[in-house]
Amino acid sequence: MPNYTYNCVQCHEFTIKQSIHDNHDIATCPTCGNTAKRVFTSFQTYNMNPKVKKRIEAGQQPRLISGDKLKVNTSSTPRSQTNARPWMAGH
């Protein structure tokens, strides 16, 4: 049975073994009995150097970018459209 990690608001993270067929979205905290949401972690990072573990797990979370940080083409000259396709020579 695989290990699944959950984050309880009151007691913080805990790991439990569950069957693959169980619901893994939420679990009951073994300490306080509150519901806890699942935390996605890298495979066997629990015994790694904490700095390496943090970098690996940070890489799994998607980066959130606001609309004002997206690069927008503000040039006033339109791009020229070409009809030439050099790979189609002779067709």
N, C-alpha and C. Protein backbone atom coordinates (compact mmCIF):
# COMPACT_ATOMS: atom_id res chain seq x y z
N MET A 1 0.85 -1.18 0.00
CA MET A 1 0.00 0.00 0.00
C MET A 1 0.89 1.24 0.00
N PRO A 2 0.56 2.21 -0.84
CA PRO A 2 1.37 3.43 -0.91
C PRO A 2 1.10 4.40 0.23
N ASN A 3 2.06 5.27 0.48
CA ASN A 3 1.92 6.32 1.49
C ASN A 3 1.32 7.56 0.84
N TYR A 4 0.42 8.22 1.55
CA TYR A 4 -0.18 9.47 1.10
C TYR A 4 0.01 10.51 2.20
N THR A 5 0.37 11.72 1.81
CA THR A 5 0.62 12.80 2.75
C THR A 5 -0.53 13.78 2.72
N TYR A 6 -0.95 14.21 3.91
CA TYR A 6 -2.07 15.15 4.05
C TYR A 6 -1.63 16.30 4.94
N ASN A 7 -2.33 17.43 4.82
CA ASN A 7 -2.02 18.60 5.63
C ASN A 7 -3.24 18.97 6.46
N CYS A 8 -3.12 18.81 7.77
CA CYS A 8 -4.17 19.20 8.71
C CYS A 8 -3.92 20.65 9.11
N VAL A 9 -4.97 21.46 9.14
CA VAL A 9 -4.82 22.88 9.50
C VAL A 9 -4.31 23.02 10.92
N GLN A 10 -4.74 22.14 11.80
CA GLN A 10 -4.38 22.25 13.21
C GLN A 10 -3.06 21.52 13.54
N CYS A 11 -2.85 20.34 12.99
CA CYS A 11 -1.70 19.51 13.37
C CYS A 11 -0.59 19.47 12.32
N HIS A 12 -0.77 20.07 11.19
CA HIS A 12 0.20 20.12 10.09
C HIS A 12 0.24 18.80 9.33
N GLU A 13 1.38 18.45 8.70
CA GLU A 13 1.44 17.30 7.80
C GLU A 13 1.51 15.97 8.54
N PHE A 14 0.87 14.96 7.92
CA PHE A 14 0.99 13.59 8.39
C PHE A 14 0.91 12.67 7.19
N THR A 15 1.48 11.49 7.31
CA THR A 15 1.51 10.51 6.23
C THR A 15 0.86 9.23 6.70
N ILE A 16 0.00 8.67 5.84
CA ILE A 16 -0.66 7.41 6.18
C ILE A 16 -0.61 6.47 4.97
N LYS A 17 -0.68 5.18 5.26
CA LYS A 17 -0.76 4.19 4.19
C LYS A 17 -2.23 3.95 3.87
N GLN A 18 -2.54 3.97 2.58
CA GLN A 18 -3.92 3.73 2.16
C GLN A 18 -3.92 2.82 0.94
N SER A 19 -5.03 2.16 0.76
CA SER A 19 -5.22 1.35 -0.43
C SER A 19 -5.36 2.24 -1.65
N ILE A 20 -4.97 1.74 -2.78
CA ILE A 20 -5.10 2.50 -4.03
C ILE A 20 -6.56 2.77 -4.34
N HIS A 21 -7.45 1.93 -3.87
CA HIS A 21 -8.87 2.05 -4.19
C HIS A 21 -9.61 3.04 -3.29
N ASP A 22 -8.97 3.56 -2.25
CA ASP A 22 -9.61 4.53 -1.35
C ASP A 22 -9.66 5.91 -1.98
N ASN A 23 -10.48 6.79 -1.39
CA ASN A 23 -10.53 8.19 -1.81
C ASN A 23 -9.32 8.90 -1.21
N HIS A 24 -8.53 9.56 -2.05
CA HIS A 24 -7.29 10.19 -1.58
C HIS A 24 -7.37 11.71 -1.53
N ASP A 25 -8.53 12.30 -1.79
CA ASP A 25 -8.65 13.76 -1.77
C ASP A 25 -8.57 14.31 -0.35
N ILE A 26 -9.25 13.65 0.58
CA ILE A 26 -9.24 14.09 1.98
C ILE A 26 -9.06 12.87 2.88
N ALA A 27 -8.58 13.12 4.09
CA ALA A 27 -8.42 12.07 5.09
C ALA A 27 -8.69 12.67 6.46
N THR A 28 -8.90 11.81 7.42
CA THR A 28 -9.12 12.25 8.80
C THR A 28 -7.78 12.26 9.53
N CYS A 29 -7.49 13.36 10.19
CA CYS A 29 -6.24 13.50 10.94
C CYS A 29 -6.26 12.51 12.11
N PRO A 30 -5.20 11.70 12.27
CA PRO A 30 -5.18 10.73 13.37
C PRO A 30 -5.03 11.38 14.74
N THR A 31 -4.56 12.62 14.81
CA THR A 31 -4.35 13.29 16.09
C THR A 31 -5.60 14.00 16.59
N CYS A 32 -6.19 14.86 15.73
CA CYS A 32 -7.31 15.68 16.18
C CYS A 32 -8.65 15.29 15.58
N GLY A 33 -8.67 14.49 14.52
CA GLY A 33 -9.92 14.05 13.91
C GLY A 33 -10.48 14.99 12.86
N ASN A 34 -9.81 16.11 12.57
CA ASN A 34 -10.27 17.03 11.53
C ASN A 34 -9.98 16.46 10.15
N THR A 35 -10.68 16.99 9.14
CA THR A 35 -10.39 16.57 7.78
C THR A 35 -9.16 17.31 7.27
N ALA A 36 -8.38 16.62 6.45
CA ALA A 36 -7.14 17.20 5.92
C ALA A 36 -7.10 16.96 4.42
N LYS A 37 -6.57 17.94 3.69
CA LYS A 37 -6.43 17.83 2.25
C LYS A 37 -5.11 17.16 1.90
N ARG A 38 -5.12 16.48 0.76
CA ARG A 38 -3.92 15.77 0.31
C ARG A 38 -2.86 16.76 -0.18
N VAL A 39 -1.60 16.43 0.12
CA VAL A 39 -0.45 17.21 -0.32
C VAL A 39 0.33 16.34 -1.29
N PHE A 40 0.68 16.89 -2.44
CA PHE A 40 1.45 16.13 -3.42
C PHE A 40 2.93 16.38 -3.19
N THR A 41 3.67 15.30 -2.98
CA THR A 41 5.10 15.39 -2.73
C THR A 41 5.84 14.49 -3.71
N SER A 42 7.11 14.72 -3.84
CA SER A 42 7.94 13.89 -4.70
C SER A 42 8.16 12.53 -4.06
N PHE A 43 8.52 11.59 -4.87
CA PHE A 43 8.75 10.23 -4.41
C PHE A 43 9.95 10.17 -3.47
N GLN A 44 9.75 9.65 -2.28
CA GLN A 44 10.76 9.44 -1.25
C GLN A 44 11.61 10.67 -0.94
N THR A 45 10.98 11.82 -0.77
CA THR A 45 11.73 13.01 -0.39
C THR A 45 11.76 13.18 1.13
N TYR A 46 11.12 12.31 1.86
CA TYR A 46 11.05 12.46 3.31
C TYR A 46 12.41 12.26 3.98
N ASN A 47 13.34 11.57 3.34
CA ASN A 47 14.65 11.37 3.96
C ASN A 47 15.76 12.14 3.25
N MET A 48 15.40 13.17 2.48
CA MET A 48 16.38 13.99 1.76
C MET A 48 16.80 15.20 2.59
N ASN A 49 17.84 15.85 2.11
CA ASN A 49 18.26 17.13 2.66
C ASN A 49 17.08 18.10 2.53
N PRO A 50 16.70 18.83 3.57
CA PRO A 50 15.53 19.71 3.52
C PRO A 50 15.60 20.77 2.41
N LYS A 51 16.80 21.25 2.10
CA LYS A 51 16.91 22.26 1.04
C LYS A 51 16.63 21.65 -0.33
N VAL A 52 17.13 20.45 -0.57
CA VAL A 52 16.89 19.77 -1.84
C VAL A 52 15.41 19.41 -1.96
N LYS A 53 14.83 18.92 -0.87
CA LYS A 53 13.42 18.56 -0.86
C LYS A 53 12.55 19.76 -1.20
N LYS A 54 12.86 20.91 -0.62
CA LYS A 54 12.06 22.12 -0.86
C LYS A 54 12.13 22.53 -2.33
N ARG A 55 13.31 22.45 -2.93
CA ARG A 55 13.45 22.83 -4.34
C ARG A 55 12.70 21.86 -5.25
N ILE A 56 12.75 20.58 -4.96
CA ILE A 56 12.04 19.59 -5.77
C ILE A 56 10.54 19.81 -5.68
N GLU A 57 10.03 19.98 -4.46
CA GLU A 57 8.59 20.15 -4.28
C GLU A 57 8.10 21.48 -4.82
N ALA A 58 8.93 22.52 -4.77
CA ALA A 58 8.54 23.81 -5.34
C ALA A 58 8.43 23.71 -6.85
N GLY A 59 9.22 22.85 -7.45
CA GLY A 59 9.16 22.66 -8.90
C GLY A 59 7.91 21.94 -9.35
N GLN A 60 7.21 21.26 -8.45
CA GLN A 60 5.99 20.55 -8.81
C GLN A 60 4.77 21.46 -8.81
N GLN A 61 4.84 22.57 -8.13
CA GLN A 61 3.71 23.49 -8.08
C GLN A 61 3.75 24.41 -9.29
N PRO A 62 2.62 24.62 -9.95
CA PRO A 62 2.62 25.52 -11.10
C PRO A 62 2.86 26.95 -10.68
N ARG A 63 3.57 27.69 -11.51
CA ARG A 63 3.82 29.10 -11.24
C ARG A 63 2.59 29.89 -11.64
N LEU A 64 2.18 30.80 -10.79
CA LEU A 64 1.03 31.65 -11.08
C LEU A 64 1.55 33.00 -11.56
N ILE A 65 1.10 33.40 -12.74
CA ILE A 65 1.54 34.66 -13.33
C ILE A 65 0.31 35.52 -13.55
N SER A 66 0.38 36.77 -13.11
CA SER A 66 -0.74 37.68 -13.33
C SER A 66 -0.68 38.22 -14.76
N GLY A 67 -1.79 38.73 -15.24
CA GLY A 67 -1.89 39.20 -16.61
C GLY A 67 -0.95 40.33 -16.94
N ASP A 68 -0.63 41.17 -15.97
CA ASP A 68 0.24 42.31 -16.26
C ASP A 68 1.70 41.90 -16.46
N LYS A 69 2.06 40.68 -16.07
CA LYS A 69 3.44 40.23 -16.24
C LYS A 69 3.65 39.46 -17.54
N LEU A 70 2.58 39.20 -18.27
CA LEU A 70 2.72 38.50 -19.53
C LEU A 70 3.32 39.42 -20.58
N LYS A 71 4.21 38.89 -21.40
CA LYS A 71 4.86 39.69 -22.42
C LYS A 71 3.88 39.90 -23.57
N VAL A 72 3.69 41.15 -23.93
CA VAL A 72 2.78 41.51 -25.01
C VAL A 72 3.58 42.22 -26.09
N ASN A 73 3.33 41.85 -27.34
CA ASN A 73 4.00 42.50 -28.46
C ASN A 73 3.34 43.85 -28.69
N THR A 74 4.06 44.93 -28.40
CA THR A 74 3.50 46.27 -28.53
C THR A 74 4.08 47.02 -29.72
N SER A 75 4.77 46.32 -30.60
CA SER A 75 5.35 47.01 -31.76
C SER A 75 4.24 47.46 -32.69
N SER A 76 4.43 48.63 -33.30
CA SER A 76 3.40 49.20 -34.17
C SER A 76 3.49 48.67 -35.59
N THR A 77 4.61 48.04 -35.96
CA THR A 77 4.74 47.53 -37.32
C THR A 77 4.25 46.09 -37.37
N PRO A 78 3.34 45.80 -38.32
CA PRO A 78 2.85 44.42 -38.41
C PRO A 78 3.92 43.51 -39.01
N ARG A 79 3.87 42.27 -38.67
CA ARG A 79 4.82 41.30 -39.20
C ARG A 79 4.45 40.99 -40.64
N SER A 80 5.45 40.87 -41.47
CA SER A 80 5.19 40.56 -42.87
C SER A 80 4.86 39.08 -43.00
N GLN A 81 3.90 38.80 -43.86
CA GLN A 81 3.47 37.43 -44.07
C GLN A 81 4.14 36.92 -45.33
N THR A 82 4.76 35.78 -45.24
CA THR A 82 5.44 35.22 -46.40
C THR A 82 4.67 34.02 -46.91
N ASN A 83 4.68 33.87 -48.22
CA ASN A 83 4.04 32.71 -48.84
C ASN A 83 5.08 31.68 -49.25
N ALA A 84 6.34 32.04 -49.15
CA ALA A 84 7.41 31.14 -49.57
C ALA A 84 7.58 30.02 -48.56
N ARG A 85 7.68 28.85 -49.09
CA ARG A 85 7.95 27.67 -48.26
C ARG A 85 9.10 26.92 -48.90
N PRO A 86 10.33 27.15 -48.44
CA PRO A 86 11.50 26.58 -49.11
C PRO A 86 11.50 25.05 -49.11
N TRP A 87 10.86 24.42 -48.19
CA TRP A 87 10.85 22.96 -48.16
C TRP A 87 9.92 22.37 -49.21
N MET A 88 9.10 23.22 -49.87
CA MET A 88 8.16 22.73 -50.88
C MET A 88 8.66 23.04 -52.30
N ALA A 89 9.94 23.16 -52.47
CA ALA A 89 10.50 23.48 -53.78
C ALA A 89 10.16 22.38 -54.78
N GLY A 90 9.66 22.81 -55.95
CA GLY A 90 9.36 21.87 -57.03
C GLY A 90 7.99 21.22 -56.94
N HIS A 91 7.13 21.62 -56.04
CA HIS A 91 5.80 21.02 -55.94
C HIS A 91 4.76 21.92 -56.51
